[in-house]
């Protein structure tokens, strides 16, 4: 399991109620936001994190996608979809994060 980034831990200590409400909203949308199955939801979140260059999110969402039954081939495909929109360097940052996780 990855370490919690220091800024996140500091935010959690300073604003625990705000963080909880944000996480509560995220859980609600993930679980009740529509018809997508869990694996697909995590693969989409992986692509969004990769496109946004959120490295902690990339590692977390790749792990959660695997736990939901995604194969490495599916994870790689979700990341490859980043190339045409966000570029090869953005893809490579995410790909390196996933391969190192």
C-alpha atoms as a PDB file:
ATOM      1  CA  UNK A   1       0.000   0.000   0.000  1.00  0.00           C
ATOM      2  CA  UNK A   2       1.244   3.454  -0.835  1.00  0.00           C
ATOM      3  CA  UNK A   3       2.032   6.104   1.733  1.00  0.00           C
ATOM      4  CA  UNK A   4      -0.492   8.863   2.297  1.00  0.00           C
ATOM      5  CA  UNK A   5       0.924  12.033   0.736  1.00  0.00           C
ATOM      6  CA  UNK A   6       1.983  14.572   3.364  1.00  0.00           C
ATOM      7  CA  UNK A   7      -0.294  17.400   2.086  1.00  0.00           C
ATOM      8  CA  UNK A   8      -3.283  15.039   2.229  1.00  0.00           C
ATOM      9  CA  UNK A   9      -2.451  14.013   5.790  1.00  0.00           C
ATOM     10  CA  UNK A  10      -2.067  17.666   6.785  1.00  0.00           C
ATOM     11  CA  UNK A  11      -5.402  18.574   5.198  1.00  0.00           C
ATOM     12  CA  UNK A  12      -7.029  15.622   6.956  1.00  0.00           C
ATOM     13  CA  UNK A  13      -5.687  16.794  10.316  1.00  0.00           C
ATOM     14  CA  UNK A  14      -6.731  20.400   9.772  1.00  0.00           C
ATOM     15  CA  UNK A  15     -10.106  19.909   8.047  1.00  0.00           C
ATOM     16  CA  UNK A  16     -11.387  16.420   8.937  1.00  0.00           C
ATOM     17  CA  UNK A  17     -15.069  17.269   8.463  1.00  0.00           C
ATOM     18  CA  UNK A  18     -14.519  18.766   5.006  1.00  0.00           C
ATOM     19  CA  UNK A  19     -12.476  15.753   3.958  1.00  0.00           C
ATOM     20  CA  UNK A  20     -15.129  13.348   5.246  1.00  0.00           C
ATOM     21  CA  UNK A  21     -17.902  15.164   3.345  1.00  0.00           C
ATOM     22  CA  UNK A  22     -15.811  15.126   0.174  1.00  0.00           C
ATOM     23  CA  UNK A  23     -15.098  11.403   0.546  1.00  0.00           C
ATOM     24  CA  UNK A  24     -18.759  10.751   1.382  1.00  0.00           C
ATOM     25  CA  UNK A  25     -19.820  12.469  -1.859  1.00  0.00           C
ATOM     26  CA  UNK A  26     -17.241  10.471  -3.810  1.00  0.00           C
ATOM     27  CA  UNK A  27     -18.482   7.185  -2.332  1.00  0.00           C
ATOM     28  CA  UNK A  28     -22.110   8.089  -3.030  1.00  0.00           C
ATOM     29  CA  UNK A  29     -21.459   8.994  -6.664  1.00  0.00           C
ATOM     30  CA  UNK A  30     -19.277   5.906  -7.148  1.00  0.00           C
ATOM     31  CA  UNK A  31     -21.931   3.580  -5.743  1.00  0.00           C
ATOM     32  CA  UNK A  32     -25.179   5.279  -6.855  1.00  0.00           C
ATOM     33  CA  UNK A  33     -24.294   7.532  -9.765  1.00  0.00           C
ATOM     34  CA  UNK A  34     -25.380   5.278 -12.601  1.00  0.00           C
ATOM     35  CA  UNK A  35     -25.376   1.909 -14.329  1.00  0.00           C
ATOM     36  CA  UNK A  36     -21.626   1.320 -14.726  1.00  0.00           C
ATOM     37  CA  UNK A  37     -20.196  -1.739 -13.014  1.00  0.00           C
ATOM     38  CA  UNK A  38     -17.491  -1.320 -10.381  1.00  0.00           C
ATOM     39  CA  UNK A  39     -14.579  -2.388 -12.560  1.00  0.00           C
ATOM     40  CA  UNK A  40     -15.572   0.084 -15.272  1.00  0.00           C
ATOM     41  CA  UNK A  41     -15.941   2.882 -12.719  1.00  0.00           C
ATOM     42  CA  UNK A  42     -12.402   2.299 -11.415  1.00  0.00           C
ATOM     43  CA  UNK A  43     -10.976   2.151 -14.953  1.00  0.00           C
ATOM     44  CA  UNK A  44     -12.640   5.475 -15.760  1.00  0.00           C
ATOM     45  CA  UNK A  45     -11.285   6.987 -12.551  1.00  0.00           C
ATOM     46  CA  UNK A  46      -7.839   5.669 -13.539  1.00  0.00           C
ATOM     47  CA  UNK A  47      -8.072   7.424 -16.901  1.00  0.00           C
ATOM     48  CA  UNK A  48      -9.259  10.649 -15.288  1.00  0.00           C
ATOM     49  CA  UNK A  49      -6.407  10.548 -12.765  1.00  0.00           C
ATOM     50  CA  UNK A  50      -3.891   9.864 -15.516  1.00  0.00           C
ATOM     51  CA  UNK A  51      -5.222  12.720 -17.642  1.00  0.00           C
ATOM     52  CA  UNK A  52      -5.124  15.049 -14.647  1.00  0.00           C
ATOM     53  CA  UNK A  53      -1.625  13.881 -13.755  1.00  0.00           C
ATOM     54  CA  UNK A  54      -2.735  12.890 -10.261  1.00  0.00           C
ATOM     55  CA  UNK A  55      -0.113  10.248  -9.503  1.00  0.00           C
ATOM     56  CA  UNK A  56      -1.544   9.151  -6.160  1.00  0.00           C
ATOM     57  CA  UNK A  57      -4.926   8.723  -7.844  1.00  0.00           C
ATOM     58  CA  UNK A  58      -3.345   6.711 -10.652  1.00  0.00           C
ATOM     59  CA  UNK A  59      -1.809   4.252  -8.196  1.00  0.00           C
ATOM     60  CA  UNK A  60      -4.941   4.069  -6.045  1.00  0.00           C
ATOM     61  CA  UNK A  61      -7.357   3.625  -8.932  1.00  0.00           C
ATOM     62  CA  UNK A  62      -5.188   1.019 -10.667  1.00  0.00           C
ATOM     63  CA  UNK A  63      -5.117  -0.949  -7.415  1.00  0.00           C
ATOM     64  CA  UNK A  64      -8.878  -0.638  -6.963  1.00  0.00           C
ATOM     65  CA  UNK A  65      -9.484  -1.611 -10.598  1.00  0.00           C
ATOM     66  CA  UNK A  66      -7.414  -4.772 -10.053  1.00  0.00           C
ATOM     67  CA  UNK A  67      -9.381  -5.554  -6.888  1.00  0.00           C
ATOM     68  CA  UNK A  68     -12.608  -5.144  -8.906  1.00  0.00           C
ATOM     69  CA  UNK A  69     -11.362  -7.716 -11.429  1.00  0.00           C
ATOM     70  CA  UNK A  70      -9.590  -5.619 -14.068  1.00  0.00           C
ATOM     71  CA  UNK A  71      -6.784  -7.354 -15.906  1.00  0.00           C
ATOM     72  CA  UNK A  72      -3.449  -5.679 -16.577  1.00  0.00           C
ATOM     73  CA  UNK A  73      -4.474  -5.538 -20.237  1.00  0.00           C
ATOM     74  CA  UNK A  74      -7.625  -3.559 -19.301  1.00  0.00           C
ATOM     75  CA  UNK A  75      -5.618  -1.206 -17.073  1.00  0.00           C
ATOM     76  CA  UNK A  76      -3.080  -0.643 -19.854  1.00  0.00           C
ATOM     77  CA  UNK A  77      -5.903   0.036 -22.333  1.00  0.00           C
ATOM     78  CA  UNK A  78      -7.477   2.602 -19.988  1.00  0.00           C
ATOM     79  CA  UNK A  79      -4.104   4.342 -19.830  1.00  0.00           C
ATOM     80  CA  UNK A  80      -3.477   4.134 -23.586  1.00  0.00           C
ATOM     81  CA  UNK A  81      -6.735   6.037 -24.130  1.00  0.00           C
ATOM     82  CA  UNK A  82      -5.031   9.029 -22.510  1.00  0.00           C
ATOM     83  CA  UNK A  83      -2.523   9.407 -25.366  1.00  0.00           C
ATOM     84  CA  UNK A  84      -4.737  10.977 -28.078  1.00  0.00           C
ATOM     85  CA  UNK A  85      -6.276  13.548 -25.742  1.00  0.00           C
ATOM     86  CA  UNK A  86      -3.506  14.381 -23.269  1.00  0.00           C
ATOM     87  CA  UNK A  87      -0.345  13.250 -25.031  1.00  0.00           C
ATOM     88  CA  UNK A  88       2.297  10.585 -24.752  1.00  0.00           C
ATOM     89  CA  UNK A  89       4.267  12.187 -21.879  1.00  0.00           C
ATOM     90  CA  UNK A  90       1.127  12.320 -19.696  1.00  0.00           C
ATOM     91  CA  UNK A  91       0.441   8.668 -20.529  1.00  0.00           C
ATOM     92  CA  UNK A  92       4.016   7.694 -19.685  1.00  0.00           C
ATOM     93  CA  UNK A  93       3.836   9.365 -16.257  1.00  0.00           C
ATOM     94  CA  UNK A  94       0.759   7.292 -15.428  1.00  0.00           C
ATOM     95  CA  UNK A  95       2.112   4.134 -17.031  1.00  0.00           C
ATOM     96  CA  UNK A  96       5.321   4.382 -15.019  1.00  0.00           C
ATOM     97  CA  UNK A  97       3.297   4.902 -11.845  1.00  0.00           C
ATOM     98  CA  UNK A  98       1.204   1.797 -12.512  1.00  0.00           C
ATOM     99  CA  UNK A  99       4.162  -0.354 -13.525  1.00  0.00           C
ATOM    100  CA  UNK A 100       6.016   0.712 -10.387  1.00  0.00           C
ATOM    101  CA  UNK A 101       3.027  -0.033  -8.125  1.00  0.00           C
END
